[in-house]
C-alpha atoms as a PDB file:
ATOM      1  CA  MET A   1      -5.456 -41.987  21.776  1.00  0.00           C
ATOM      2  CA  LYS A   2      -7.308 -38.714  21.485  1.00  0.00           C
ATOM      3  CA  ASN A   3      -8.067 -37.442  17.982  1.00  0.00           C
ATOM      4  CA  ALA A   4      -6.292 -34.128  17.308  1.00  0.00           C
ATOM      5  CA  ASN A   5      -9.172 -33.129  15.008  1.00  0.00           C
ATOM      6  CA  ALA A   6     -11.897 -33.802  17.575  1.00  0.00           C
ATOM      7  CA  PRO A   7     -13.397 -30.268  17.384  1.00  0.00           C
ATOM      8  CA  ALA A   8     -13.339 -30.419  13.588  1.00  0.00           C
ATOM      9  CA  ASP A   9     -14.914 -33.878  13.657  1.00  0.00           C
ATOM     10  CA  ALA A  10     -17.663 -32.613  15.958  1.00  0.00           C
ATOM     11  CA  LEU A  11     -18.497 -29.949  13.373  1.00  0.00           C
ATOM     12  CA  GLY A  12     -18.467 -32.450  10.513  1.00  0.00           C
ATOM     13  CA  MET A  13     -15.199 -31.036   9.144  1.00  0.00           C
ATOM     14  CA  GLY A  14     -12.891 -33.931   9.957  1.00  0.00           C
ATOM     15  CA  ASP A  15     -11.912 -34.418   6.307  1.00  0.00           C
ATOM     16  CA  ILE A  16     -11.205 -30.721   5.664  1.00  0.00           C
ATOM     17  CA  PRO A  17      -7.494 -29.916   5.953  1.00  0.00           C
ATOM     18  CA  GLN A  18      -6.884 -27.525   8.815  1.00  0.00           C
ATOM     19  CA  THR A  19      -4.655 -24.549   7.951  1.00  0.00           C
ATOM     20  CA  PRO A  20      -2.479 -23.311  10.783  1.00  0.00           C
ATOM     21  CA  LEU A  21      -2.942 -19.684  11.742  1.00  0.00           C
ATOM     22  CA  GLY A  22      -0.566 -17.508   9.731  1.00  0.00           C
ATOM     23  CA  ALA A  23      -0.187 -19.970   6.881  1.00  0.00           C
ATOM     24  CA  GLY A  24      -2.823 -18.604   4.504  1.00  0.00           C
ATOM     25  CA  PRO A  25      -1.985 -16.122   1.738  1.00  0.00           C
ATOM     26  CA  GLU A  26      -4.959 -13.989   2.805  1.00  0.00           C
ATOM     27  CA  LEU A  27      -2.970 -12.885   5.834  1.00  0.00           C
ATOM     28  CA  ASP A  28      -0.449 -11.077   3.642  1.00  0.00           C
ATOM     29  CA  HIS A  29      -2.759  -9.872   0.891  1.00  0.00           C
ATOM     30  CA  ASP A  30      -5.720  -7.552   0.868  1.00  0.00           C
ATOM     31  CA  LEU A  31      -8.834  -9.617   0.166  1.00  0.00           C
ATOM     32  CA  LEU A  32     -10.460  -6.895  -1.934  1.00  0.00           C
ATOM     33  CA  THR A  33      -7.605  -5.821  -4.206  1.00  0.00           C
ATOM     34  CA  GLY A  34      -5.294  -8.826  -4.049  1.00  0.00           C
ATOM     35  CA  LEU A  35      -2.363  -6.498  -3.320  1.00  0.00           C
ATOM     36  CA  PRO A  36      -0.008  -7.046  -0.405  1.00  0.00           C
ATOM     37  CA  ASN A  37      -1.605  -5.649   2.746  1.00  0.00           C
ATOM     38  CA  ALA A  38      -0.383  -3.557   5.664  1.00  0.00           C
ATOM     39  CA  ARG A  39       0.858  -6.672   7.434  1.00  0.00           C
ATOM     40  CA  ALA A  40       3.160  -7.495   4.516  1.00  0.00           C
ATOM     41  CA  TRP A  41       4.145  -3.852   3.949  1.00  0.00           C
ATOM     42  CA  SER A  42       6.772  -3.602   6.699  1.00  0.00           C
ATOM     43  CA  HIS A  43       8.466  -6.758   5.451  1.00  0.00           C
ATOM     44  CA  LEU A  44       8.407  -5.501   1.871  1.00  0.00           C
ATOM     45  CA  VAL A  45       9.891  -2.129   2.862  1.00  0.00           C
ATOM     46  CA  ALA A  46      12.633  -3.744   4.939  1.00  0.00           C
ATOM     47  CA  GLU A  47      13.565  -6.225   2.212  1.00  0.00           C
ATOM     48  CA  HIS A  48      13.453  -3.605  -0.537  1.00  0.00           C
ATOM     49  CA  ARG A  49      15.728  -1.283   1.435  1.00  0.00           C
ATOM     50  CA  ARG A  50      18.080  -4.137   2.329  1.00  0.00           C
ATOM     51  CA  ARG A  51      18.520  -4.952  -1.351  1.00  0.00           C
ATOM     52  CA  HIS A  52      18.552  -1.358  -2.605  1.00  0.00           C
ATOM     53  CA  PRO A  53      19.683   0.887   0.282  1.00  0.00           C
ATOM     54  CA  ASP A  54      20.541   3.893  -1.881  1.00  0.00           C
ATOM     55  CA  ARG A  55      17.943   3.349  -4.548  1.00  0.00           C
ATOM     56  CA  SER A  56      14.557   3.549  -2.929  1.00  0.00           C
ATOM     57  CA  TRP A  57      11.787   6.046  -2.481  1.00  0.00           C
ATOM     58  CA  LEU A  58       8.554   5.402  -0.673  1.00  0.00           C
ATOM     59  CA  ALA A  59       5.229   6.973  -1.546  1.00  0.00           C
ATOM     60  CA  VAL A  60       1.961   6.803   0.321  1.00  0.00           C
ATOM     61  CA  VAL A  61      -0.955   7.625  -1.948  1.00  0.00           C
ATOM     62  CA  ARG A  62      -4.568   8.236  -1.033  1.00  0.00           C
ATOM     63  CA  VAL A  63      -7.596   8.302  -3.290  1.00  0.00           C
ATOM     64  CA  ASP A  64      -8.958  11.791  -2.690  1.00  0.00           C
ATOM     65  CA  ASP A  65     -12.439  12.198  -1.227  1.00  0.00           C
ATOM     66  CA  PHE A  66     -12.864   8.424  -1.024  1.00  0.00           C
ATOM     67  CA  ALA A  67     -15.145   8.513   2.034  1.00  0.00           C
ATOM     68  CA  ALA A  68     -17.468  11.001   0.336  1.00  0.00           C
ATOM     69  CA  PHE A  69     -17.503   8.879  -2.830  1.00  0.00           C
ATOM     70  CA  ALA A  70     -18.328   5.747  -0.820  1.00  0.00           C
ATOM     71  CA  SER A  71     -21.079   7.619   1.024  1.00  0.00           C
ATOM     72  CA  THR A  72     -22.749   8.946  -2.121  1.00  0.00           C
ATOM     73  CA  SER A  73     -22.108   6.061  -4.521  1.00  0.00           C
ATOM     74  CA  GLY A  74     -22.255   3.135  -2.117  1.00  0.00           C
ATOM     75  CA  GLY A  75     -19.821   0.583  -0.825  1.00  0.00           C
ATOM     76  CA  ALA A  76     -19.919  -1.593  -3.942  1.00  0.00           C
ATOM     77  CA  ALA A  77     -18.914   1.322  -6.188  1.00  0.00           C
ATOM     78  CA  ALA A  78     -16.170   2.305  -3.747  1.00  0.00           C
ATOM     79  CA  ASP A  79     -14.851  -1.253  -3.694  1.00  0.00           C
ATOM     80  CA  LEU A  80     -14.902  -1.389  -7.490  1.00  0.00           C
ATOM     81  CA  LEU A  81     -12.945   1.875  -7.651  1.00  0.00           C
ATOM     82  CA  LEU A  82     -10.217   0.370  -5.438  1.00  0.00           C
ATOM     83  CA  VAL A  83     -10.160  -2.921  -7.359  1.00  0.00           C
ATOM     84  CA  ASP A  84      -9.900  -1.149 -10.725  1.00  0.00           C
ATOM     85  CA  ALA A  85      -7.232   1.234  -9.443  1.00  0.00           C
ATOM     86  CA  ALA A  86      -5.183  -1.611  -7.942  1.00  0.00           C
ATOM     87  CA  ALA A  87      -5.300  -3.537 -11.226  1.00  0.00           C
ATOM     88  CA  ALA A  88      -4.257  -0.486 -13.248  1.00  0.00           C
ATOM     89  CA  TRP A  89      -1.509   0.386 -10.774  1.00  0.00           C
ATOM     90  CA  GLY A  90      -0.076  -3.122 -10.789  1.00  0.00           C
ATOM     91  CA  ALA A  91       0.192  -2.958 -14.574  1.00  0.00           C
ATOM     92  CA  ALA A  92       1.736   0.543 -14.481  1.00  0.00           C
ATOM     93  CA  LEU A  93       4.609  -0.258 -12.140  1.00  0.00           C
ATOM     94  CA  ARG A  94       8.083  -1.120 -13.325  1.00  0.00           C
ATOM     95  CA  GLY A  95       9.926  -4.280 -12.322  1.00  0.00           C
ATOM     96  CA  GLY A  96      11.198  -3.842  -8.786  1.00  0.00           C
ATOM     97  CA  ASP A  97       8.470  -1.373  -7.769  1.00  0.00           C
ATOM     98  CA  VAL A  98       5.847  -2.630  -5.302  1.00  0.00           C
ATOM     99  CA  ILE A  99       2.409  -1.387  -4.291  1.00  0.00           C
ATOM    100  CA  ALA A 100       0.401  -2.471  -1.239  1.00  0.00           C
ATOM    101  CA  ARG A 101      -2.933  -1.519   0.278  1.00  0.00           C
ATOM    102  CA  LEU A 102      -2.290  -0.078   3.715  1.00  0.00           C
ATOM    103  CA  ASP A 103      -5.928   0.517   4.685  1.00  0.00           C
ATOM    104  CA  GLY A 104      -9.041   2.182   3.356  1.00  0.00           C
ATOM    105  CA  ALA A 105      -8.005   4.332   0.404  1.00  0.00           C
ATOM    106  CA  ASP A 106      -4.303   4.476   1.413  1.00  0.00           C
ATOM    107  CA  PHE A 107      -1.684   2.601  -0.560  1.00  0.00           C
ATOM    108  CA  GLY A 108       2.059   2.360  -0.139  1.00  0.00           C
ATOM    109  CA  CYS A 109       4.382   2.257  -3.115  1.00  0.00           C
ATOM    110  CA  LEU A 110       8.070   1.350  -3.055  1.00  0.00           C
ATOM    111  CA  VAL A 111       9.936   2.891  -5.943  1.00  0.00           C
ATOM    112  CA  ARG A 112      13.290   1.480  -6.928  1.00  0.00           C
ATOM    113  CA  ALA A 113      15.104   4.570  -8.161  1.00  0.00           C
ATOM    114  CA  THR A 114      17.888   6.937  -7.255  1.00  0.00           C
ATOM    115  CA  GLU A 115      16.250  10.099  -8.561  1.00  0.00           C
ATOM    116  CA  LEU A 116      13.249  11.914  -7.133  1.00  0.00           C
ATOM    117  CA  MET A 117      11.919  12.468 -10.664  1.00  0.00           C
ATOM    118  CA  SER A 118      11.571   8.693 -11.082  1.00  0.00           C
ATOM    119  CA  ALA A 119       9.384   8.601  -7.981  1.00  0.00           C
ATOM    120  CA  PHE A 120       7.304  11.492  -9.388  1.00  0.00           C
ATOM    121  CA  ALA A 121       6.919   9.546 -12.639  1.00  0.00           C
ATOM    122  CA  VAL A 122       5.587   6.527 -10.748  1.00  0.00           C
ATOM    123  CA  VAL A 123       3.089   8.700  -8.861  1.00  0.00           C
ATOM    124  CA  ALA A 124       2.010  10.200 -12.212  1.00  0.00           C
ATOM    125  CA  ARG A 125       1.344   6.685 -13.550  1.00  0.00           C
ATOM    126  CA  LEU A 126      -0.681   5.882 -10.434  1.00  0.00           C
ATOM    127  CA  ARG A 127      -2.737   9.033 -11.001  1.00  0.00           C
ATOM    128  CA  ALA A 128      -3.333   8.045 -14.614  1.00  0.00           C
ATOM    129  CA  GLY A 129      -4.605   4.643 -13.433  1.00  0.00           C
ATOM    130  CA  LEU A 130      -7.567   6.130 -11.605  1.00  0.00           C
ATOM    131  CA  PRO A 131     -10.916   6.261 -13.394  1.00  0.00           C
ATOM    132  CA  ALA A 132     -11.922   9.648 -14.808  1.00  0.00           C
ATOM    133  CA  GLY A 133     -13.152  12.077 -12.191  1.00  0.00           C
ATOM    134  CA  HIS A 134     -10.971  10.715  -9.395  1.00  0.00           C
ATOM    135  CA  THR A 135      -7.689  12.098  -8.101  1.00  0.00           C
ATOM    136  CA  LEU A 136      -5.096  11.069  -5.608  1.00  0.00           C
ATOM    137  CA  SER A 137      -2.720  12.817  -3.298  1.00  0.00           C
ATOM    138  CA  ALA A 138       0.702  11.459  -2.433  1.00  0.00           C
ATOM    139  CA  ALA A 139       3.644  11.916  -0.143  1.00  0.00           C
ATOM    140  CA  ILE A 140       7.042  10.833  -1.432  1.00  0.00           C
ATOM    141  CA  VAL A 141       9.799  10.254   1.076  1.00  0.00           C
ATOM    142  CA  HIS A 142      13.409   9.189   0.812  1.00  0.00           C
ATOM    143  CA  PRO A 143      14.042   6.913   3.781  1.00  0.00           C
ATOM    144  CA  ASP A 144      17.171   7.547   5.759  1.00  0.00           C
ATOM    145  CA  ALA A 145      19.546   4.648   6.275  1.00  0.00           C
ATOM    146  CA  HIS A 146      18.424   3.755   9.785  1.00  0.00           C
ATOM    147  CA  GLU A 147      14.719   4.506   9.609  1.00  0.00           C
ATOM    148  CA  ALA A 148      12.418   1.609  10.511  1.00  0.00           C
ATOM    149  CA  PRO A 149       9.711   0.676   7.962  1.00  0.00           C
ATOM    150  CA  LEU A 150       6.878   1.776  10.236  1.00  0.00           C
ATOM    151  CA  ALA A 151       8.639   5.066  10.982  1.00  0.00           C
ATOM    152  CA  VAL A 152       9.157   5.976   7.331  1.00  0.00           C
ATOM    153  CA  THR A 153       5.551   5.020   6.547  1.00  0.00           C
ATOM    154  CA  ALA A 154       4.309   7.167   9.457  1.00  0.00           C
ATOM    155  CA  ARG A 155       6.448  10.056   8.217  1.00  0.00           C
ATOM    156  CA  ALA A 156       4.941   9.718   4.740  1.00  0.00           C
ATOM    157  CA  ARG A 157       1.408   9.521   6.112  1.00  0.00           C
ATOM    158  CA  ASP A 158       2.002  12.610   8.210  1.00  0.00           C
ATOM    159  CA  ALA A 159       3.204  14.501   5.128  1.00  0.00           C
ATOM    160  CA  LEU A 160       0.199  13.202   3.196  1.00  0.00           C
ATOM    161  CA  GLY A 161      -2.099  14.564   5.898  1.00  0.00           C
ATOM    162  CA  HIS A 162      -0.471  17.991   5.650  1.00  0.00           C
ATOM    163  CA  ALA A 163      -0.718  17.934   1.850  1.00  0.00           C
ATOM    164  CA  GLY A 164      -4.366  16.881   2.040  1.00  0.00           C
ATOM    165  CA  ALA A 165      -5.148  19.760   4.360  1.00  0.00           C
ATOM    166  CA  ARG A 166      -4.244  22.086   1.471  1.00  0.00           C
ATOM    167  CA  GLY A 167      -6.615  20.392  -0.961  1.00  0.00           C
ATOM    168  CA  VAL A 168      -6.833  17.385  -3.241  1.00  0.00           C
ATOM    169  CA  ASN A 169      -4.565  16.188  -6.030  1.00  0.00           C
ATOM    170  CA  ARG A 170      -1.388  17.190  -4.153  1.00  0.00           C
ATOM    171  CA  VAL A 171       2.095  15.715  -3.859  1.00  0.00           C
ATOM    172  CA  ALA A 172       4.343  16.360  -0.867  1.00  0.00           C
ATOM    173  CA  VAL A 173       8.044  15.455  -0.835  1.00  0.00           C
ATOM    174  CA  LEU A 174      10.082  14.817   2.295  1.00  0.00           C
ATOM    175  CA  LEU A 175      13.818  14.293   2.258  1.00  0.00           C
ATOM    176  CA  PRO A 176      15.821  12.931   5.181  1.00  0.00           C
ATOM    177  CA  GLU A 177      17.037  15.726   7.457  1.00  0.00           C
ATOM    178  CA  ALA A 178      20.630  15.329   6.246  1.00  0.00           C
ATOM    179  CA  GLU A 179      19.558  15.907   2.628  1.00  0.00           C
ATOM    180  CA  ALA A 180      17.155  18.744   3.407  1.00  0.00           C
ATOM    181  CA  ALA A 181      19.836  20.790   5.207  1.00  0.00           C
END
């Protein structure tokens, strides 16, 4: 009978438990910040909206001028900024709110609320969690009932790009077309 761990045995790892691909928590969490990652984001958005269809806002936030900061201060300082921000943000959120690292300096935040002002309040707490001298820009969107998680995230990122083109420390708000009319 052939040993299923033959390649592992050949490398001297026969006694090390082999984890199947997709089973490790690192696949759903950002290794730097410990927050859920982009892979987990779509699932979190879908589940959040399933549970709270009329009570959710989504924000995409970006640490302003992050690339310039990383270039001038170095990668270690940039990483520390993200780690510190993620820790402060996790502590600032209310029960039911979720934050995830999408990529680079972009984070997604699900806000369980019916009112836009509640979403603004969450973004204000995220801003307050950044170290002095740093700002963030955000796009807050109210997903429509049939919008896929990736579509609503893309819509928020697009709005964030437009807000960022007008400067730093900005907040853009997008309502579904039915509400904006």
